[in-house]
Amino acid sequence: MRRALPRRQSLQASLLLIIGQALTRGHSGFTRHCVILLHRSGTVTPCRCFRDAIFSLLPAAPGCPPSRRRRIVVPFPPGGTTDILARALAPELGRAFGQTFIVDNKPGAGGNVGADLVAKSPPDGYTLLMGTVGTHGINQSLFPKMPYDPIKDFAPITLVAGVPNVLVMNPAKAEALKINSVPDLIRYAKANPGKLNMASSGNGTS
């Protein structure tokens, strides 16, 4: 009989499942990506006051000073979806648990810079990451060598949001080219290489 996974490994497996579902879900030009709150994995876990915030998924550690600030690292520039979610979440966590949560933007390399900072931080629960399907899924296929292990270096806390992505096109251009669906767009692009331009949030994003 197979042994059950330890709780933390089970959570990490669940995180992979969530990411996988986010990558495969969607139709008619719609997909989703996840925004996930994580902290540095290790033998030292967040204190009791923060444990309550994450639904008792992690064991308690000795009490922590309420004056010490907690940092939520956003691995992308200000103004994006991940940043907006973090800035909405931080004050609510602060009010709920009597501690200061600050948002710290550390963009670069498709999110790898910020994620690596958290991966190498002390495993005490004071440095958190707003991870995404990019930092913990897509980037492994884009970069020949990752600076961190997206599974071993992090412990998942909670899924923050599922964010829809929409494929859009200039309506006048779409009408002129008779593009009314994603298959139409694919057929036109294959038949007319180099004639279409595309904009996205950047490499490593969903």
N, C-alpha and C. Protein backbone atom coordinates (compact mmCIF):
# COMPACT_ATOMS: atom_id res chain seq x y z
N MET A 1 0.85 -1.19 0.00
CA MET A 1 0.00 0.00 0.00
C MET A 1 0.89 1.24 0.00
N ARG A 2 0.56 2.22 -0.84
CA ARG A 2 1.37 3.43 -0.94
C ARG A 2 1.14 4.31 0.28
N ARG A 3 2.23 4.92 0.74
CA ARG A 3 2.12 5.85 1.86
C ARG A 3 1.54 7.16 1.36
N ALA A 4 0.73 7.78 2.20
CA ALA A 4 0.16 9.08 1.85
C ALA A 4 1.26 10.13 1.87
N LEU A 5 1.14 11.11 0.99
CA LEU A 5 2.11 12.19 0.98
C LEU A 5 2.00 13.02 2.25
N PRO A 6 3.15 13.49 2.80
CA PRO A 6 3.07 14.45 3.90
C PRO A 6 2.24 15.65 3.47
N ARG A 7 1.67 16.34 4.46
CA ARG A 7 0.73 17.43 4.15
C ARG A 7 1.35 18.48 3.23
N ARG A 8 2.61 18.88 3.51
CA ARG A 8 3.22 19.92 2.69
C ARG A 8 3.44 19.44 1.26
N GLN A 9 3.90 18.19 1.08
CA GLN A 9 4.09 17.67 -0.26
C GLN A 9 2.75 17.57 -0.98
N SER A 10 1.71 17.21 -0.23
CA SER A 10 0.38 17.13 -0.82
C SER A 10 -0.08 18.50 -1.30
N LEU A 11 0.21 19.55 -0.52
CA LEU A 11 -0.15 20.90 -0.92
C LEU A 11 0.61 21.32 -2.17
N GLN A 12 1.89 20.94 -2.22
CA GLN A 12 2.68 21.28 -3.39
C GLN A 12 2.16 20.56 -4.63
N ALA A 13 1.74 19.32 -4.46
CA ALA A 13 1.14 18.58 -5.57
C ALA A 13 -0.15 19.25 -6.03
N SER A 14 -0.92 19.74 -5.05
CA SER A 14 -2.16 20.44 -5.38
C SER A 14 -1.87 21.72 -6.16
N LEU A 15 -0.78 22.40 -5.78
CA LEU A 15 -0.38 23.62 -6.47
C LEU A 15 -0.09 23.32 -7.94
N LEU A 16 0.64 22.23 -8.19
CA LEU A 16 0.93 21.85 -9.57
C LEU A 16 -0.35 21.56 -10.34
N LEU A 17 -1.30 20.90 -9.67
CA LEU A 17 -2.57 20.59 -10.32
C LEU A 17 -3.31 21.86 -10.68
N ILE A 18 -3.31 22.84 -9.76
CA ILE A 18 -3.97 24.12 -10.03
C ILE A 18 -3.35 24.79 -11.24
N ILE A 19 -2.00 24.80 -11.29
CA ILE A 19 -1.30 25.43 -12.40
C ILE A 19 -1.63 24.71 -13.70
N GLY A 20 -1.63 23.37 -13.64
CA GLY A 20 -1.95 22.60 -14.83
C GLY A 20 -3.35 22.89 -15.34
N GLN A 21 -4.30 22.99 -14.42
CA GLN A 21 -5.67 23.30 -14.82
C GLN A 21 -5.76 24.70 -15.41
N ALA A 22 -4.98 25.64 -14.84
CA ALA A 22 -5.00 27.01 -15.35
C ALA A 22 -4.45 27.07 -16.77
N LEU A 23 -3.46 26.23 -17.06
CA LEU A 23 -2.85 26.24 -18.38
C LEU A 23 -3.76 25.63 -19.43
N THR A 24 -4.57 24.66 -19.04
CA THR A 24 -5.36 23.91 -20.01
C THR A 24 -6.80 24.39 -20.10
N ARG A 25 -7.25 25.18 -19.14
CA ARG A 25 -8.64 25.62 -19.13
C ARG A 25 -8.86 26.73 -20.16
N GLY A 26 -10.04 26.81 -20.70
CA GLY A 26 -10.38 27.94 -21.54
C GLY A 26 -10.77 27.51 -22.95
N HIS A 27 -11.49 28.40 -23.63
CA HIS A 27 -11.91 28.14 -25.00
C HIS A 27 -12.22 29.46 -25.65
N SER A 28 -12.36 29.47 -26.97
CA SER A 28 -12.72 30.66 -27.74
C SER A 28 -11.83 31.84 -27.40
N GLY A 29 -10.54 31.59 -27.23
CA GLY A 29 -9.62 32.69 -26.98
C GLY A 29 -9.44 33.05 -25.53
N PHE A 30 -10.10 32.34 -24.61
CA PHE A 30 -9.98 32.63 -23.20
C PHE A 30 -9.09 31.59 -22.52
N THR A 31 -8.18 32.04 -21.69
CA THR A 31 -7.41 31.14 -20.83
C THR A 31 -7.37 31.76 -19.45
N ARG A 32 -6.79 31.04 -18.49
CA ARG A 32 -6.66 31.59 -17.15
C ARG A 32 -5.25 31.35 -16.63
N HIS A 33 -4.79 32.27 -15.79
CA HIS A 33 -3.57 31.99 -15.05
C HIS A 33 -3.83 32.24 -13.57
N CYS A 34 -3.04 31.59 -12.74
CA CYS A 34 -3.24 31.66 -11.29
C CYS A 34 -2.31 32.69 -10.67
N VAL A 35 -2.76 33.30 -9.61
CA VAL A 35 -1.90 34.09 -8.73
C VAL A 35 -1.92 33.39 -7.38
N ILE A 36 -0.75 32.98 -6.91
CA ILE A 36 -0.64 32.11 -5.74
C ILE A 36 0.28 32.76 -4.72
N LEU A 37 -0.15 32.81 -3.47
CA LEU A 37 0.68 33.33 -2.39
C LEU A 37 1.52 32.19 -1.83
N LEU A 38 2.85 32.37 -1.83
CA LEU A 38 3.76 31.34 -1.35
C LEU A 38 4.75 31.94 -0.37
N HIS A 39 5.42 31.08 0.40
CA HIS A 39 6.54 31.54 1.22
C HIS A 39 7.68 30.56 1.08
N ARG A 40 8.85 30.97 1.57
CA ARG A 40 10.06 30.17 1.45
C ARG A 40 9.89 28.86 2.20
N SER A 41 10.15 27.75 1.53
CA SER A 41 10.06 26.45 2.16
C SER A 41 11.27 26.22 3.05
N GLY A 42 11.09 25.52 4.16
CA GLY A 42 12.20 25.24 5.05
C GLY A 42 11.72 24.72 6.38
N THR A 43 12.65 24.54 7.29
CA THR A 43 12.31 23.96 8.59
C THR A 43 11.67 24.98 9.52
N VAL A 44 11.92 26.27 9.28
CA VAL A 44 11.32 27.32 10.11
C VAL A 44 10.04 27.76 9.42
N THR A 45 8.95 27.74 10.15
CA THR A 45 7.65 28.05 9.56
C THR A 45 7.12 29.36 10.11
N PRO A 46 6.10 29.95 9.46
CA PRO A 46 5.53 31.20 9.96
C PRO A 46 5.00 31.05 11.38
N CYS A 47 4.95 32.17 12.08
CA CYS A 47 4.49 32.16 13.46
C CYS A 47 2.98 31.93 13.53
N ARG A 48 2.48 31.75 14.74
CA ARG A 48 1.06 31.40 14.91
C ARG A 48 0.14 32.47 14.33
N CYS A 49 0.51 33.74 14.50
CA CYS A 49 -0.40 34.78 14.03
C CYS A 49 -0.55 34.74 12.52
N PHE A 50 0.48 34.35 11.81
CA PHE A 50 0.34 34.23 10.36
C PHE A 50 -0.22 32.88 9.97
N ARG A 51 0.02 31.87 10.78
CA ARG A 51 -0.55 30.55 10.50
C ARG A 51 -2.06 30.63 10.40
N ASP A 52 -2.67 31.46 11.29
CA ASP A 52 -4.11 31.61 11.25
C ASP A 52 -4.57 32.17 9.91
N ALA A 53 -3.74 33.03 9.31
CA ALA A 53 -4.11 33.65 8.03
C ALA A 53 -4.12 32.64 6.91
N ILE A 54 -3.40 31.55 7.06
CA ILE A 54 -3.32 30.57 5.98
C ILE A 54 -4.04 29.30 6.36
N PHE A 55 -5.09 29.46 7.16
CA PHE A 55 -6.03 28.38 7.44
C PHE A 55 -5.38 27.18 8.10
N SER A 56 -4.40 27.44 8.95
CA SER A 56 -3.76 26.39 9.74
C SER A 56 -3.13 25.29 8.87
N LEU A 57 -2.70 25.65 7.67
CA LEU A 57 -2.08 24.66 6.79
C LEU A 57 -0.64 24.38 7.20
N LEU A 58 -0.03 25.30 7.93
CA LEU A 58 1.35 25.12 8.35
C LEU A 58 1.42 25.12 9.87
N PRO A 59 2.33 24.35 10.48
CA PRO A 59 2.42 24.29 11.93
C PRO A 59 2.89 25.60 12.53
N ALA A 60 2.57 25.77 13.80
CA ALA A 60 2.93 27.01 14.48
C ALA A 60 4.39 27.03 14.85
N ALA A 61 4.96 28.22 14.91
CA ALA A 61 6.32 28.44 15.38
C ALA A 61 6.23 29.39 16.56
N PRO A 62 7.32 29.62 17.30
CA PRO A 62 7.28 30.54 18.44
C PRO A 62 6.75 31.90 18.04
N GLY A 63 6.21 32.62 19.01
CA GLY A 63 5.59 33.92 18.76
C GLY A 63 6.52 34.89 18.07
N CYS A 64 5.94 35.79 17.28
CA CYS A 64 6.74 36.74 16.53
C CYS A 64 6.38 38.15 16.95
N PRO A 65 7.33 39.09 16.87
CA PRO A 65 7.06 40.48 17.25
C PRO A 65 6.10 41.13 16.27
N PRO A 66 4.99 41.70 16.74
CA PRO A 66 4.01 42.30 15.83
C PRO A 66 4.55 43.51 15.10
N SER A 67 5.65 44.11 15.59
CA SER A 67 6.20 45.30 14.95
C SER A 67 7.00 44.97 13.70
N ARG A 68 7.39 43.75 13.53
CA ARG A 68 8.20 43.37 12.37
C ARG A 68 7.32 43.29 11.12
N ARG A 69 7.76 43.94 10.06
CA ARG A 69 6.97 43.99 8.83
C ARG A 69 7.14 42.71 8.01
N ARG A 70 6.07 42.32 7.36
CA ARG A 70 6.12 41.21 6.42
C ARG A 70 6.11 41.77 5.00
N ARG A 71 6.84 41.12 4.13
CA ARG A 71 7.00 41.62 2.76
C ARG A 71 6.34 40.66 1.77
N ILE A 72 5.50 41.21 0.90
CA ILE A 72 4.92 40.45 -0.20
C ILE A 72 5.65 40.86 -1.47
N VAL A 73 6.48 39.99 -1.99
CA VAL A 73 7.26 40.28 -3.19
C VAL A 73 6.39 40.02 -4.42
N VAL A 74 6.29 41.05 -5.26
CA VAL A 74 5.60 40.92 -6.55
C VAL A 74 6.69 40.88 -7.62
N PRO A 75 6.82 39.79 -8.37
CA PRO A 75 7.93 39.66 -9.31
C PRO A 75 7.69 40.35 -10.65
N PHE A 76 6.84 41.37 -10.65
CA PHE A 76 6.52 42.13 -11.86
C PHE A 76 6.43 43.61 -11.52
N PRO A 77 6.47 44.51 -12.52
CA PRO A 77 6.41 45.94 -12.24
C PRO A 77 5.07 46.37 -11.65
N PRO A 78 5.02 47.57 -11.05
CA PRO A 78 3.75 48.08 -10.53
C PRO A 78 2.72 48.26 -11.64
N GLY A 79 1.45 48.09 -11.28
CA GLY A 79 0.37 48.35 -12.21
C GLY A 79 -0.24 47.15 -12.87
N GLY A 80 0.43 46.00 -12.79
CA GLY A 80 -0.10 44.79 -13.40
C GLY A 80 -1.09 44.08 -12.49
N THR A 81 -1.65 42.99 -13.00
CA THR A 81 -2.65 42.25 -12.24
C THR A 81 -2.11 41.74 -10.91
N THR A 82 -0.92 41.15 -10.95
CA THR A 82 -0.33 40.59 -9.72
C THR A 82 -0.08 41.68 -8.69
N ASP A 83 0.39 42.84 -9.15
CA ASP A 83 0.66 43.97 -8.26
C ASP A 83 -0.64 44.49 -7.64
N ILE A 84 -1.67 44.63 -8.45
CA ILE A 84 -2.95 45.13 -7.95
C ILE A 84 -3.53 44.19 -6.89
N LEU A 85 -3.45 42.89 -7.16
CA LEU A 85 -3.95 41.91 -6.19
C LEU A 85 -3.17 41.98 -4.88
N ALA A 86 -1.85 42.11 -4.97
CA ALA A 86 -1.02 42.18 -3.77
C ALA A 86 -1.35 43.42 -2.95
N ARG A 87 -1.57 44.55 -3.62
CA ARG A 87 -1.86 45.80 -2.91
C ARG A 87 -3.26 45.80 -2.31
N ALA A 88 -4.16 45.02 -2.87
CA ALA A 88 -5.48 44.86 -2.26
C ALA A 88 -5.42 43.92 -1.07
N LEU A 89 -4.55 42.91 -1.16
CA LEU A 89 -4.45 41.90 -0.12
C LEU A 89 -3.68 42.39 1.11
N ALA A 90 -2.61 43.16 0.89
CA ALA A 90 -1.72 43.56 1.98
C ALA A 90 -2.42 44.29 3.12
N PRO A 91 -3.21 45.35 2.87
CA PRO A 91 -3.86 46.04 3.99
C PRO A 91 -4.88 45.19 4.72
N GLU A 92 -5.55 44.28 3.99
CA GLU A 92 -6.52 43.41 4.64
C GLU A 92 -5.83 42.44 5.59
N LEU A 93 -4.69 41.89 5.17
CA LEU A 93 -3.91 41.03 6.06
C LEU A 93 -3.41 41.82 7.26
N GLY A 94 -2.98 43.07 7.01
CA GLY A 94 -2.50 43.90 8.10
C GLY A 94 -3.56 44.18 9.14
N ARG A 95 -4.77 44.51 8.70
CA ARG A 95 -5.87 44.78 9.63
C ARG A 95 -6.28 43.52 10.38
N ALA A 96 -6.25 42.40 9.69
CA ALA A 96 -6.71 41.15 10.30
C ALA A 96 -5.75 40.64 11.36
N PHE A 97 -4.44 40.86 11.16
CA PHE A 97 -3.47 40.22 12.04
C PHE A 97 -2.57 41.19 12.78
N GLY A 98 -2.87 42.49 12.69
CA GLY A 98 -2.15 43.45 13.49
C GLY A 98 -0.68 43.58 13.14
N GLN A 99 -0.33 43.31 11.91
CA GLN A 99 1.04 43.47 11.45
C GLN A 99 1.05 44.23 10.14
N THR A 100 2.20 44.79 9.80
CA THR A 100 2.32 45.54 8.56
C THR A 100 2.78 44.62 7.44
N PHE A 101 2.04 44.61 6.35
CA PHE A 101 2.41 43.86 5.15
C PHE A 101 2.73 44.88 4.06
N ILE A 102 3.94 44.85 3.53
CA ILE A 102 4.33 45.78 2.47
C ILE A 102 4.47 45.03 1.15
N VAL A 103 4.22 45.73 0.06
CA VAL A 103 4.38 45.16 -1.28
C VAL A 103 5.71 45.64 -1.84
N ASP A 104 6.52 44.71 -2.32
CA ASP A 104 7.85 45.01 -2.83
C ASP A 104 7.96 44.47 -4.26
N ASN A 105 7.99 45.37 -5.24
CA ASN A 105 8.09 44.95 -6.64
C ASN A 105 9.54 44.63 -7.00
N LYS A 106 9.76 43.42 -7.49
CA LYS A 106 11.09 42.98 -7.93
C LYS A 106 10.96 42.33 -9.31
N PRO A 107 10.78 43.16 -10.36
CA PRO A 107 10.56 42.59 -11.69
C PRO A 107 11.86 42.13 -12.35
N GLY A 108 11.70 41.35 -13.40
CA GLY A 108 12.84 40.92 -14.20
C GLY A 108 12.80 39.45 -14.54
N ALA A 109 13.27 39.13 -15.75
CA ALA A 109 13.40 37.75 -16.22
C ALA A 109 12.08 36.98 -16.12
N GLY A 110 10.99 37.63 -16.51
CA GLY A 110 9.70 36.96 -16.50
C GLY A 110 9.23 36.55 -15.13
N GLY A 111 9.69 37.25 -14.09
CA GLY A 111 9.30 36.93 -12.72
C GLY A 111 10.35 36.17 -11.94
N ASN A 112 11.41 35.71 -12.62
CA ASN A 112 12.43 34.90 -11.95
C ASN A 112 13.22 35.68 -10.90
N VAL A 113 13.42 36.98 -11.12
CA VAL A 113 14.21 37.78 -10.18
C VAL A 113 13.53 37.83 -8.82
N GLY A 114 12.25 38.18 -8.80
CA GLY A 114 11.52 38.26 -7.54
C GLY A 114 11.34 36.91 -6.88
N ALA A 115 11.04 35.89 -7.69
CA ALA A 115 10.85 34.54 -7.14
C ALA A 115 12.15 34.02 -6.54
N ASP A 116 13.27 34.30 -7.19
CA ASP A 116 14.56 33.84 -6.67
C ASP A 116 14.91 34.54 -5.37
N LEU A 117 14.54 35.82 -5.26
CA LEU A 117 14.78 36.55 -4.01
C LEU A 117 14.08 35.87 -2.84
N VAL A 118 12.82 35.47 -3.07
CA VAL A 118 12.07 34.80 -2.01
C VAL A 118 12.63 33.41 -1.75
N ALA A 119 13.02 32.72 -2.80
CA ALA A 119 13.58 31.37 -2.65
C ALA A 119 14.84 31.37 -1.78
N LYS A 120 15.59 32.47 -1.83
CA LYS A 120 16.84 32.55 -1.08
C LYS A 120 16.70 33.33 0.23
N SER A 121 15.48 33.72 0.58
CA SER A 121 15.26 34.46 1.83
C SER A 121 15.18 33.49 3.00
N PRO A 122 15.35 33.98 4.23
CA PRO A 122 15.20 33.09 5.40
C PRO A 122 13.81 32.46 5.42
N PRO A 123 13.71 31.18 5.74
CA PRO A 123 12.41 30.49 5.74
C PRO A 123 11.61 30.76 7.01
N ASP A 124 11.32 32.05 7.26
CA ASP A 124 10.66 32.42 8.51
C ASP A 124 9.25 32.96 8.32
N GLY A 125 8.77 32.97 7.07
CA GLY A 125 7.41 33.44 6.82
C GLY A 125 7.27 34.94 6.69
N TYR A 126 8.37 35.69 6.77
CA TYR A 126 8.29 37.15 6.67
C TYR A 126 8.44 37.65 5.24
N THR A 127 8.91 36.81 4.33
CA THR A 127 9.04 37.20 2.93
C THR A 127 8.17 36.27 2.10
N LEU A 128 7.13 36.82 1.51
CA LEU A 128 6.15 36.05 0.76
C LEU A 128 6.24 36.40 -0.73
N LEU A 129 5.73 35.52 -1.56
CA LEU A 129 5.77 35.74 -3.01
C LEU A 129 4.38 35.64 -3.59
N MET A 130 4.04 36.60 -4.44
CA MET A 130 2.85 36.48 -5.27
C MET A 130 3.28 35.73 -6.53
N GLY A 131 3.24 34.42 -6.44
CA GLY A 131 3.67 33.60 -7.57
C GLY A 131 2.59 33.49 -8.63
N THR A 132 3.00 33.15 -9.83
CA THR A 132 2.06 33.01 -10.94
C THR A 132 2.37 31.74 -11.72
N VAL A 133 1.55 31.47 -12.72
CA VAL A 133 1.81 30.33 -13.59
C VAL A 133 3.12 30.54 -14.35
N GLY A 134 3.56 31.80 -14.46
CA GLY A 134 4.85 32.08 -15.10
C GLY A 134 6.01 31.67 -14.22
N THR A 135 6.03 32.15 -12.98
CA THR A 135 7.16 31.86 -12.08
C THR A 135 7.23 30.40 -11.69
N HIS A 136 6.09 29.72 -11.69
CA HIS A 136 6.07 28.33 -11.21
C HIS A 136 5.61 27.33 -12.27
N GLY A 137 5.56 27.75 -13.53
CA GLY A 137 5.16 26.83 -14.58
C GLY A 137 5.85 27.13 -15.90
N ILE A 138 5.47 28.22 -16.52
CA ILE A 138 5.93 28.54 -17.87
C ILE A 138 7.43 28.73 -17.96
N ASN A 139 8.02 29.42 -16.98
CA ASN A 139 9.45 29.76 -17.07
C ASN A 139 10.36 28.56 -17.16
N GLN A 140 9.94 27.43 -16.65
CA GLN A 140 10.77 26.24 -16.74
C GLN A 140 10.97 25.80 -18.19
N SER A 141 10.05 26.20 -19.06
CA SER A 141 10.16 25.87 -20.48
C SER A 141 10.88 26.96 -21.27
N LEU A 142 11.03 28.15 -20.69
CA LEU A 142 11.64 29.27 -21.40
C LEU A 142 13.11 29.47 -21.06
N PHE A 143 13.50 29.10 -19.86
CA PHE A 143 14.87 29.33 -19.41
C PHE A 143 15.63 28.01 -19.31
N PRO A 144 16.85 27.97 -19.88
CA PRO A 144 17.62 26.71 -19.83
C PRO A 144 18.00 26.29 -18.42
N LYS A 145 18.14 27.27 -17.52
CA LYS A 145 18.49 26.96 -16.14
C LYS A 145 17.76 27.92 -15.21
N MET A 146 16.94 27.38 -14.35
CA MET A 146 16.19 28.20 -13.40
C MET A 146 17.04 28.47 -12.16
N PRO A 147 16.98 29.69 -11.60
CA PRO A 147 17.77 30.00 -10.40
C PRO A 147 17.17 29.43 -9.12
N TYR A 148 16.00 28.85 -9.20
CA TYR A 148 15.32 28.28 -8.03
C TYR A 148 14.52 27.07 -8.47
N ASP A 149 14.15 26.25 -7.50
CA ASP A 149 13.28 25.11 -7.76
C ASP A 149 11.86 25.52 -7.39
N PRO A 150 10.93 25.59 -8.34
CA PRO A 150 9.59 26.10 -8.03
C PRO A 150 8.80 25.22 -7.07
N ILE A 151 9.23 23.99 -6.85
CA ILE A 151 8.53 23.11 -5.91
C ILE A 151 9.27 23.03 -4.58
N LYS A 152 10.55 22.69 -4.62
CA LYS A 152 11.29 22.46 -3.39
C LYS A 152 11.55 23.74 -2.60
N ASP A 153 11.67 24.87 -3.29
CA ASP A 153 12.05 26.12 -2.62
C ASP A 153 10.86 26.90 -2.06
N PHE A 154 9.64 26.44 -2.29
CA PHE A 154 8.47 27.20 -1.86
C PHE A 154 7.44 26.28 -1.21
N ALA A 155 6.65 26.85 -0.32
CA ALA A 155 5.50 26.16 0.25
C ALA A 155 4.26 26.99 -0.09
N PRO A 156 3.27 26.40 -0.75
CA PRO A 156 2.07 27.16 -1.12
C PRO A 156 1.23 27.53 0.09
N ILE A 157 0.66 28.73 0.06
CA ILE A 157 -0.21 29.19 1.13
C ILE A 157 -1.67 29.15 0.68
N THR A 158 -1.97 29.87 -0.39
CA THR A 158 -3.35 29.86 -0.88
C THR A 158 -3.41 30.37 -2.31
N LEU A 159 -4.41 29.92 -3.04
CA LEU A 159 -4.70 30.48 -4.36
C LEU A 159 -5.38 31.82 -4.15
N VAL A 160 -4.81 32.88 -4.69
CA VAL A 160 -5.36 34.22 -4.52
C VAL A 160 -6.43 34.52 -5.56
N ALA A 161 -6.15 34.18 -6.81
CA ALA A 161 -7.09 34.53 -7.88
C ALA A 161 -6.85 33.68 -9.11
N GLY A 162 -7.89 33.49 -9.88
CA GLY A 162 -7.78 32.95 -11.23
C GLY A 162 -8.12 34.07 -12.19
N VAL A 163 -7.19 34.44 -13.05
CA VAL A 163 -7.33 35.64 -13.87
C VAL A 163 -7.54 35.24 -15.33
N PRO A 164 -8.64 35.67 -15.95
CA PRO A 164 -8.86 35.31 -17.36
C PRO A 164 -7.98 36.13 -18.29
N ASN A 165 -7.50 35.50 -19.34
CA ASN A 165 -6.77 36.17 -20.41
C ASN A 165 -7.65 36.15 -21.65
N VAL A 166 -7.70 37.27 -22.36
CA VAL A 166 -8.58 37.39 -23.52
C VAL A 166 -7.76 37.72 -24.76
N LEU A 167 -8.00 37.00 -25.83
CA LEU A 167 -7.37 37.27 -27.12
C LEU A 167 -8.25 38.25 -27.88
N VAL A 168 -7.72 39.44 -28.19
CA VAL A 168 -8.52 40.48 -28.86
C VAL A 168 -7.80 40.95 -30.12
N MET A 169 -8.57 41.57 -31.01
CA MET A 169 -8.03 42.08 -32.27
C MET A 169 -8.81 43.32 -32.66
N ASN A 170 -8.17 44.21 -33.38
CA ASN A 170 -8.85 45.40 -33.88
C ASN A 170 -10.05 44.98 -34.72
N PRO A 171 -11.26 45.44 -34.38
CA PRO A 171 -12.46 44.94 -35.07
C PRO A 171 -12.49 45.26 -36.56
N ALA A 172 -12.02 46.46 -36.93
CA ALA A 172 -12.01 46.82 -38.35
C ALA A 172 -11.05 45.93 -39.13
N LYS A 173 -9.89 45.66 -38.53
CA LYS A 173 -8.91 44.78 -39.17
C LYS A 173 -9.46 43.36 -39.28
N ALA A 174 -10.10 42.90 -38.21
CA ALA A 174 -10.66 41.54 -38.22
C ALA A 174 -11.73 41.41 -39.30
N GLU A 175 -12.56 42.46 -39.47
CA GLU A 175 -13.61 42.41 -40.49
C GLU A 175 -13.01 42.41 -41.89
N ALA A 176 -11.98 43.24 -42.08
CA ALA A 176 -11.35 43.32 -43.40
C ALA A 176 -10.68 42.01 -43.79
N LEU A 177 -10.12 41.32 -42.81
CA LEU A 177 -9.41 40.06 -43.08
C LEU A 177 -10.32 38.85 -42.93
N LYS A 178 -11.60 39.10 -42.60
CA LYS A 178 -12.58 38.01 -42.40
C LYS A 178 -12.13 37.03 -41.31
N ILE A 179 -11.65 37.60 -40.21
CA ILE A 179 -11.24 36.80 -39.05
C ILE A 179 -12.32 36.93 -37.98
N ASN A 180 -13.05 35.85 -37.76
CA ASN A 180 -14.16 35.86 -36.80
C ASN A 180 -13.97 34.88 -35.65
N SER A 181 -12.87 34.15 -35.66
CA SER A 181 -12.63 33.15 -34.62
C SER A 181 -11.14 32.88 -34.52
N VAL A 182 -10.76 32.15 -33.47
CA VAL A 182 -9.36 31.78 -33.31
C VAL A 182 -8.88 30.91 -34.47
N PRO A 183 -9.65 29.90 -34.92
CA PRO A 183 -9.20 29.13 -36.10
C PRO A 183 -8.99 30.00 -37.34
N ASP A 184 -9.86 31.02 -37.53
CA ASP A 184 -9.66 31.95 -38.65
C ASP A 184 -8.33 32.68 -38.52
N LEU A 185 -8.03 33.12 -37.31
CA LEU A 185 -6.78 33.84 -37.06
C LEU A 185 -5.57 32.95 -37.34
N ILE A 186 -5.64 31.71 -36.88
CA ILE A 186 -4.53 30.78 -37.08
C ILE A 186 -4.32 30.52 -38.57
N ARG A 187 -5.43 30.31 -39.30
CA ARG A 187 -5.32 30.05 -40.74
C ARG A 187 -4.70 31.24 -41.48
N TYR A 188 -5.14 32.46 -41.11
CA TYR A 188 -4.60 33.65 -41.76
C TYR A 188 -3.11 33.81 -41.45
N ALA A 189 -2.74 33.61 -40.19
CA ALA A 189 -1.34 33.77 -39.80
C ALA A 189 -0.44 32.78 -40.53
N LYS A 190 -0.91 31.54 -40.69
CA LYS A 190 -0.11 30.53 -41.40
C LYS A 190 0.01 30.85 -42.89
N ALA A 191 -1.06 31.40 -43.46
CA ALA A 191 -1.05 31.70 -44.89
C ALA A 191 -0.34 33.01 -45.20
N ASN A 192 -0.16 33.86 -44.18
CA ASN A 192 0.46 35.18 -44.39
C ASN A 192 1.53 35.45 -43.35
N PRO A 193 2.61 34.68 -43.38
CA PRO A 193 3.65 34.85 -42.36
C PRO A 193 4.26 36.26 -42.39
N GLY A 194 4.44 36.81 -41.19
CA GLY A 194 5.07 38.12 -41.06
C GLY A 194 4.13 39.30 -41.25
N LYS A 195 2.85 39.07 -41.49
CA LYS A 195 1.93 40.18 -41.74
C LYS A 195 1.13 40.60 -40.50
N LEU A 196 1.21 39.84 -39.43
CA LEU A 196 0.49 40.17 -38.20
C LEU A 196 1.47 40.54 -37.10
N ASN A 197 1.09 41.50 -36.29
CA ASN A 197 1.86 41.85 -35.09
C ASN A 197 1.06 41.47 -33.86
N MET A 198 1.76 41.10 -32.79
CA MET A 198 1.09 40.69 -31.55
C MET A 198 1.74 41.38 -30.36
N ALA A 199 0.93 41.79 -29.42
CA ALA A 199 1.43 42.38 -28.17
C ALA A 199 1.00 41.51 -27.01
N SER A 200 1.89 41.34 -26.02
CA SER A 200 1.57 40.58 -24.82
C SER A 200 2.23 41.24 -23.62
N SER A 201 2.02 40.67 -22.46
CA SER A 201 2.64 41.22 -21.24
C SER A 201 4.13 40.91 -21.17
N GLY A 202 4.62 40.02 -22.05
CA GLY A 202 6.05 39.71 -22.06
C GLY A 202 6.31 38.23 -21.91
N ASN A 203 7.53 37.83 -22.20
CA ASN A 203 7.92 36.43 -22.07
C ASN A 203 7.77 35.96 -20.63
N GLY A 204 7.24 34.75 -20.47
CA GLY A 204 7.06 34.20 -19.14
C GLY A 204 5.69 34.44 -18.55
N THR A 205 4.90 35.29 -19.21
CA THR A 205 3.54 35.52 -18.74
C THR A 205 2.59 34.59 -19.47
N SER A 206 1.40 34.41 -18.92
CA SER A 206 0.46 33.50 -19.55
C SER A 206 -0.16 34.09 -20.81
